[in-house]
Amino acid sequence: MIYLNLFWAFFKVGAFSFGGGYAMIPLIKKEIIDIHHWLSVDQFLDIIAISQMTPGPIAINAATFVGYKVGGFWGSAAATIGVTAPSFLIIIILALLIIRYRHLPWLDAFFKGVRPAVIALIVQAAYSVGKSSFTGIKDMLVAAVVFVGLYLLKINPLIIIVMAAILGIVIY
């Protein structure tokens, strides 16, 4: 029964929290401390700290850690599946609707409008990362070698990453 409770508590967190992982923290706190009394406030704060330090989304990390603390391995699995299931289900439903109604003119127009916006977001992210990454001629040299390898020579990206690492060791 604890596994079902963990799943349902974190399913609600995943379904009704908007705005990213930090926006989910109050709902997680309400579920695990106020409603179910699974953890103390100090334990909750420790889990939030650990969730921030480990790679990955904070809500998934918190669900995994809380689930493990409360129900071991299977509790961890139940909580993690619970917090990710709402997003997964929404994406599946949207994908099925898009496949079914892809012939509608308004849906085609929607995607034609979204494509340039997505490209603009990617370019903006690349610009902001690039602006802080290129601090000298060596950085530009590595980027140029990677560009030539990827686009002109068509070298596999995994090989390019290894080569860039070796080049970085040599010139830095």
Protein backbone atom coordinates (compact mmCIF):
# COMPACT_ATOMS: atom_id res chain seq x y z
CA MET A 1 0.00 0.00 0.00
CA ILE A 2 2.93 2.37 0.69
CA TYR A 3 4.03 2.07 -2.94
CA LEU A 4 0.62 3.11 -4.21
CA ASN A 5 0.58 6.01 -1.74
CA LEU A 6 4.03 7.13 -2.90
CA PHE A 7 3.00 6.86 -6.53
CA TRP A 8 -0.22 8.83 -6.00
CA ALA A 9 1.40 11.54 -3.86
CA PHE A 10 4.08 12.19 -6.46
CA PHE A 11 1.64 11.82 -9.35
CA LYS A 12 -0.26 14.77 -7.85
CA VAL A 13 3.00 16.70 -7.54
CA GLY A 14 3.80 16.02 -11.20
CA ALA A 15 0.29 16.80 -12.39
CA PHE A 16 -0.42 19.98 -10.46
CA SER A 17 2.93 21.73 -10.27
CA PHE A 18 3.83 24.24 -12.94
CA GLY A 19 6.92 26.36 -13.28
CA GLY A 20 9.71 23.86 -12.82
CA GLY A 21 11.24 21.91 -9.96
CA TYR A 22 11.49 24.73 -7.45
CA ALA A 23 7.80 25.47 -7.89
CA MET A 24 7.12 21.84 -6.93
CA ILE A 25 8.88 22.02 -3.56
CA PRO A 26 5.89 23.39 -1.59
CA LEU A 27 3.61 20.68 -2.97
CA ILE A 28 6.19 17.99 -2.24
CA LYS A 29 6.52 19.34 1.32
CA LYS A 30 2.75 19.32 1.78
CA GLU A 31 2.46 15.72 0.55
CA ILE A 32 5.38 14.14 2.42
CA ILE A 33 5.34 16.15 5.66
CA ASP A 34 1.86 17.60 6.21
CA ILE A 35 -0.35 14.90 4.71
CA HIS A 36 1.57 11.62 4.99
CA HIS A 37 4.11 12.45 7.75
CA TRP A 38 6.73 10.37 5.97
CA LEU A 39 9.62 12.68 6.87
CA SER A 40 10.52 15.36 9.36
CA VAL A 41 11.19 18.94 8.25
CA ASP A 42 14.93 18.38 8.76
CA GLN A 43 14.88 15.22 6.65
CA PHE A 44 12.92 17.08 3.96
CA LEU A 45 15.47 19.90 3.91
CA ASP A 46 18.29 17.36 3.62
CA ILE A 47 16.55 15.70 0.67
CA ILE A 48 16.01 19.06 -1.06
CA ALA A 49 19.70 19.88 -0.58
CA ILE A 50 20.76 16.50 -1.98
CA SER A 51 18.27 16.87 -4.86
CA GLN A 52 19.85 20.19 -5.78
CA MET A 53 23.36 18.76 -5.74
CA THR A 54 22.69 15.70 -7.86
CA PRO A 55 22.34 15.93 -11.64
CA GLY A 56 18.82 15.98 -13.03
CA PRO A 57 15.52 17.66 -12.29
CA ILE A 58 14.99 18.49 -8.63
CA ALA A 59 11.45 17.04 -8.50
CA ILE A 60 12.56 13.69 -9.90
CA ASN A 61 15.57 13.59 -7.58
CA ALA A 62 13.39 14.47 -4.59
CA ALA A 63 10.82 11.82 -5.54
CA THR A 64 13.55 9.22 -5.88
CA PHE A 65 15.14 10.09 -2.52
CA VAL A 66 11.84 10.35 -0.63
CA GLY A 67 10.62 7.10 -2.16
CA TYR A 68 13.82 5.34 -1.16
CA LYS A 69 13.69 6.73 2.38
CA VAL A 70 10.05 5.65 2.80
CA GLY A 71 9.87 2.40 0.83
CA GLY A 72 13.32 1.34 -0.29
CA PHE A 73 14.04 0.51 -3.91
CA TRP A 74 10.41 -0.10 -4.88
CA GLY A 75 9.30 3.04 -3.06
CA SER A 76 11.89 4.96 -5.04
CA ALA A 77 10.59 3.47 -8.28
CA ALA A 78 6.96 4.21 -7.40
CA ALA A 79 7.62 7.84 -6.47
CA THR A 80 9.82 8.48 -9.51
CA ILE A 81 7.30 6.93 -11.90
CA GLY A 82 4.54 8.88 -10.16
CA VAL A 83 6.19 12.28 -10.60
CA THR A 84 7.06 11.66 -14.26
CA ALA A 85 3.84 9.91 -15.33
CA PRO A 86 1.69 13.06 -15.78
CA SER A 87 4.15 14.68 -18.19
CA PHE A 88 4.59 11.40 -20.03
CA LEU A 89 0.83 10.93 -20.40
CA ILE A 90 0.31 14.51 -21.57
CA ILE A 91 3.03 14.14 -24.22
CA ILE A 92 1.57 10.83 -25.43
CA ILE A 93 -1.93 12.31 -25.69
CA LEU A 94 -0.65 15.39 -27.53
CA ALA A 95 1.39 13.23 -29.91
CA LEU A 96 -1.66 11.08 -30.69
CA LEU A 97 -3.79 14.17 -31.29
CA ILE A 98 -1.16 15.70 -33.55
CA ILE A 99 -0.87 12.48 -35.55
CA ARG A 100 -4.64 12.23 -35.87
CA TYR A 101 -5.24 15.87 -36.81
CA ARG A 102 -2.01 16.70 -38.64
CA HIS A 103 -3.91 17.32 -41.87
CA LEU A 104 -5.83 20.29 -40.42
CA PRO A 105 -4.68 23.63 -41.85
CA TRP A 106 -4.66 25.42 -38.48
CA LEU A 107 -2.36 22.77 -36.96
CA ASP A 108 0.03 23.08 -39.89
CA ALA A 109 -0.05 26.88 -39.50
CA PHE A 110 0.62 26.49 -35.76
CA PHE A 111 3.77 24.45 -36.37
CA LYS A 112 4.94 26.80 -39.11
CA GLY A 113 4.72 29.60 -36.55
CA VAL A 114 6.39 27.63 -33.76
CA ARG A 115 9.39 26.44 -35.82
CA PRO A 116 11.03 29.87 -36.18
CA ALA A 117 10.39 30.60 -32.51
CA VAL A 118 12.13 27.39 -31.47
CA ILE A 119 15.06 28.16 -33.75
CA ALA A 120 15.29 31.66 -32.25
CA LEU A 121 15.35 30.16 -28.73
CA ILE A 122 18.12 27.75 -29.72
CA VAL A 123 20.15 30.53 -31.35
CA GLN A 124 19.71 32.73 -28.25
CA ALA A 125 20.87 29.88 -25.98
CA ALA A 126 23.86 29.21 -28.24
CA TYR A 127 24.72 32.91 -28.26
CA SER A 128 24.56 33.25 -24.47
CA VAL A 129 26.68 30.12 -23.95
CA GLY A 130 29.10 31.09 -26.69
CA LYS A 131 29.50 34.62 -25.35
CA SER A 132 30.77 33.32 -22.03
CA SER A 133 32.71 30.38 -23.53
CA PHE A 134 34.93 32.20 -26.03
CA THR A 135 37.50 34.00 -23.93
CA GLY A 136 40.45 33.81 -26.30
CA ILE A 137 41.89 32.65 -29.59
CA LYS A 138 42.41 29.08 -28.33
CA ASP A 139 38.66 28.72 -27.67
CA MET A 140 37.86 29.95 -31.17
CA LEU A 141 40.43 27.55 -32.63
CA VAL A 142 38.82 24.55 -30.91
CA ALA A 143 35.37 25.68 -32.09
CA ALA A 144 36.63 26.12 -35.66
CA VAL A 145 38.21 22.65 -35.70
CA VAL A 146 34.98 21.13 -34.36
CA PHE A 147 32.91 23.00 -36.96
CA VAL A 148 35.14 21.83 -39.82
CA GLY A 149 35.10 18.26 -38.53
CA LEU A 150 31.32 18.15 -38.14
CA TYR A 151 30.08 20.03 -41.17
CA LEU A 152 32.79 19.79 -43.80
CA LEU A 153 34.41 16.45 -43.04
CA LYS A 154 31.23 14.81 -41.65
CA ILE A 155 33.05 13.16 -38.74
CA ASN A 156 30.92 11.36 -36.15
CA PRO A 157 30.06 13.73 -33.24
CA LEU A 158 31.35 11.23 -30.65
CA ILE A 159 34.73 11.19 -32.35
CA ILE A 160 34.66 15.00 -32.49
CA ILE A 161 34.06 15.19 -28.72
CA VAL A 162 37.02 12.90 -28.03
CA MET A 163 39.19 14.85 -30.47
CA ALA A 164 38.15 18.17 -28.90
CA ALA A 165 39.05 16.83 -25.46
CA ILE A 166 42.48 15.76 -26.70
CA LEU A 167 42.95 19.13 -28.44
CA GLY A 168 41.97 20.88 -25.22
CA ILE A 169 44.55 18.91 -23.25
CA VAL A 170 47.24 19.72 -25.80
CA ILE A 171 46.64 23.47 -26.19
CA TYR A 172 45.55 24.34 -22.67
